[in-house]
Amino acid sequence: VALKTEDLSDDVLSTIDKAVPSPIVFQLTFGDRVRFCAAYKRPSEADVLKNVIAAYFSSDWQPAAEPLPALPLVLDLAALYEEMLRRVLPMARRDGESIADHVERAIQLRAKERVCRDLEARLQRERQFNRKVEINAAIRAAKTQLKELATS
């Protein structure tokens, strides 16, 4: 997908993903840079004809002149999609972790990062010392949980 601006809404990717039943890894290009985006797509438990799309994950921007990474050596397309999706996830895979669990952990990691940002912003706005102490304790707890989620 050739972009006219650097940012692309996940809604655009979601619309394309919903129209195509098979898994997709998007290659986004902007100027002389490229990045990859993908979401974990699985069949719906309620309706076999529909897919459930998790959050979108993307790699960092890379120079387009740089050679593309080699495709992983796998036996089927489902395994190829899983390995390509794992490449754009923000943290390493744990031993024996399924792709569904890995994606769920990545989603939890994003949520915990958002909680940390919100707490830090709240700390900056707070004036009372006793509330600052409580917020600092919450930040430390959230960062500990964040570290646990990020480690493999």
Protein backbone atom coordinates (compact mmCIF):
# COMPACT_ATOMS: atom_id res chain seq x y z
CA VAL A 1 0.00 0.00 0.00
CA ALA A 2 1.51 3.31 -1.10
CA LEU A 3 0.78 6.04 1.45
CA LYS A 4 0.44 9.78 0.82
CA THR A 5 1.04 10.55 4.51
CA GLU A 6 3.15 8.74 7.07
CA ASP A 7 0.22 7.69 9.25
CA LEU A 8 -2.52 5.28 8.22
CA SER A 9 -5.57 4.59 10.32
CA ASP A 10 -6.11 1.02 11.45
CA ASP A 11 -9.68 1.42 10.18
CA VAL A 12 -8.40 1.38 6.59
CA LEU A 13 -6.45 -1.81 7.17
CA SER A 14 -9.42 -3.32 9.00
CA THR A 15 -11.74 -2.60 6.06
CA ILE A 16 -9.36 -4.37 3.69
CA ASP A 17 -8.91 -7.25 6.14
CA LYS A 18 -12.66 -7.73 6.49
CA ALA A 19 -13.10 -7.85 2.71
CA VAL A 20 -10.42 -10.52 2.24
CA PRO A 21 -11.01 -13.76 4.19
CA SER A 22 -7.38 -14.92 4.17
CA PRO A 23 -4.69 -13.45 6.45
CA ILE A 24 -2.85 -10.40 5.11
CA VAL A 25 0.52 -8.84 5.90
CA PHE A 26 0.53 -5.26 4.62
CA GLN A 27 3.65 -3.65 3.19
CA LEU A 28 3.22 0.09 3.62
CA THR A 29 5.46 2.45 1.66
CA PHE A 30 5.89 6.16 2.17
CA GLY A 31 8.53 7.96 0.14
CA ASP A 32 11.71 5.96 0.41
CA ARG A 33 10.66 4.04 3.54
CA VAL A 34 8.75 0.83 4.13
CA ARG A 35 7.13 -0.95 7.08
CA PHE A 36 4.97 -4.03 7.60
CA CYS A 37 1.60 -4.23 9.38
CA ALA A 38 -0.45 -7.26 10.32
CA ALA A 39 -3.20 -8.33 12.68
CA TYR A 40 -3.98 -11.75 14.04
CA LYS A 41 -7.01 -13.02 12.15
CA ARG A 42 -8.88 -16.07 13.37
CA PRO A 43 -12.26 -17.63 12.55
CA SER A 44 -15.14 -16.43 14.69
CA GLU A 45 -16.57 -18.91 17.16
CA ALA A 46 -20.09 -17.52 16.65
CA ASP A 47 -20.10 -17.36 12.83
CA VAL A 48 -17.82 -19.65 10.83
CA LEU A 49 -18.02 -17.38 7.78
CA LYS A 50 -16.58 -14.36 9.64
CA ASN A 51 -13.14 -13.63 11.04
CA VAL A 52 -12.15 -11.90 14.25
CA ILE A 53 -9.35 -9.36 13.79
CA ALA A 54 -7.16 -8.46 16.76
CA ALA A 55 -5.17 -5.24 17.11
CA TYR A 56 -2.77 -4.21 14.34
CA PHE A 57 0.96 -4.38 14.90
CA SER A 58 3.60 -2.82 12.71
CA SER A 59 7.34 -2.83 12.32
CA ASP A 60 9.46 0.30 12.42
CA TRP A 61 10.03 2.33 9.27
CA GLN A 62 13.01 1.03 7.28
CA PRO A 63 14.73 2.38 4.17
CA ALA A 64 13.10 0.93 1.05
CA ALA A 65 16.55 0.36 -0.49
CA GLU A 66 17.37 -2.07 2.31
CA PRO A 67 16.81 -5.71 1.26
CA LEU A 68 13.64 -7.32 2.57
CA PRO A 69 14.05 -9.96 5.27
CA ALA A 70 14.01 -13.53 4.02
CA LEU A 71 10.76 -15.45 4.38
CA PRO A 72 10.81 -18.01 7.20
CA LEU A 73 11.16 -21.66 6.27
CA VAL A 74 7.82 -23.27 7.13
CA LEU A 75 5.63 -26.06 5.75
CA ASP A 76 2.30 -24.28 5.17
CA LEU A 77 0.78 -20.84 4.69
CA ALA A 78 -0.72 -20.71 8.20
CA ALA A 79 2.73 -21.18 9.74
CA LEU A 80 4.18 -18.59 7.32
CA TYR A 81 1.56 -16.04 8.42
CA GLU A 82 2.25 -16.78 12.10
CA GLU A 83 5.99 -16.30 11.69
CA MET A 84 5.54 -13.07 9.72
CA LEU A 85 3.11 -11.80 12.37
CA ARG A 86 5.58 -12.66 15.13
CA ARG A 87 8.16 -10.43 13.39
CA VAL A 88 6.01 -7.32 13.90
CA LEU A 89 4.97 -8.09 17.48
CA PRO A 90 6.70 -5.79 20.00
CA MET A 91 8.22 -8.54 22.15
CA ALA A 92 9.87 -11.91 21.76
CA ARG A 93 8.02 -15.20 21.87
CA ARG A 94 8.10 -17.26 25.04
CA ASP A 95 8.98 -20.95 24.80
CA GLY A 96 5.93 -22.97 23.78
CA GLU A 97 3.71 -19.89 23.44
CA SER A 98 0.99 -20.13 20.80
CA ILE A 99 0.40 -17.29 18.38
CA ALA A 100 -2.95 -16.48 20.03
CA ASP A 101 -1.29 -16.20 23.45
CA HIS A 102 1.56 -14.13 22.01
CA VAL A 103 -0.87 -11.68 20.40
CA GLU A 104 -2.95 -11.48 23.60
CA ARG A 105 0.19 -10.68 25.59
CA ALA A 106 1.10 -7.96 23.07
CA ILE A 107 -2.37 -6.44 23.43
CA GLN A 108 -2.02 -6.51 27.22
CA LEU A 109 1.39 -4.88 26.89
CA ARG A 110 -0.12 -2.02 24.87
CA ALA A 111 -2.87 -1.55 27.44
CA LYS A 112 -0.37 -1.50 30.31
CA GLU A 113 1.81 1.04 28.47
CA ARG A 114 -1.26 3.26 28.07
CA VAL A 115 -2.01 2.91 31.80
CA CYS A 116 1.58 3.93 32.62
CA ARG A 117 1.35 7.00 30.35
CA ASP A 118 -1.97 8.00 31.92
CA LEU A 119 -0.61 7.61 35.45
CA GLU A 120 2.49 9.64 34.64
CA ALA A 121 0.35 12.41 33.15
CA ARG A 122 -1.86 12.31 36.24
CA LEU A 123 1.24 12.57 38.44
CA GLN A 124 2.33 15.72 36.59
CA ARG A 125 -1.05 17.36 37.16
CA GLU A 126 -1.40 16.36 40.83
CA ARG A 127 -0.53 18.98 43.47
CA GLN A 128 -1.06 17.12 46.76
CA PHE A 129 1.91 15.17 48.06
CA ASN A 130 -0.05 12.26 49.54
CA ARG A 131 -1.81 11.65 46.22
CA LYS A 132 1.52 11.87 44.38
CA VAL A 133 2.84 9.11 46.65
CA GLU A 134 -0.16 6.91 45.79
CA ILE A 135 0.23 7.57 42.07
CA ASN A 136 3.96 6.81 42.24
CA ALA A 137 3.19 3.46 43.88
CA ALA A 138 0.67 2.70 41.12
CA ILE A 139 3.24 3.65 38.47
CA ARG A 140 5.85 1.33 40.01
CA ALA A 141 3.32 -1.55 40.12
CA ALA A 142 2.27 -0.93 36.51
CA LYS A 143 5.89 -0.80 35.33
CA THR A 144 6.62 -4.08 37.12
CA GLN A 145 3.67 -5.71 35.36
CA LEU A 146 4.83 -4.16 32.08
CA LYS A 147 8.29 -5.65 32.53
CA GLU A 148 6.79 -9.09 33.28
CA LEU A 149 4.71 -8.94 30.10
CA ALA A 150 7.65 -7.82 27.96
CA THR A 151 10.13 -10.48 29.10
CA SER A 152 10.25 -13.80 27.38
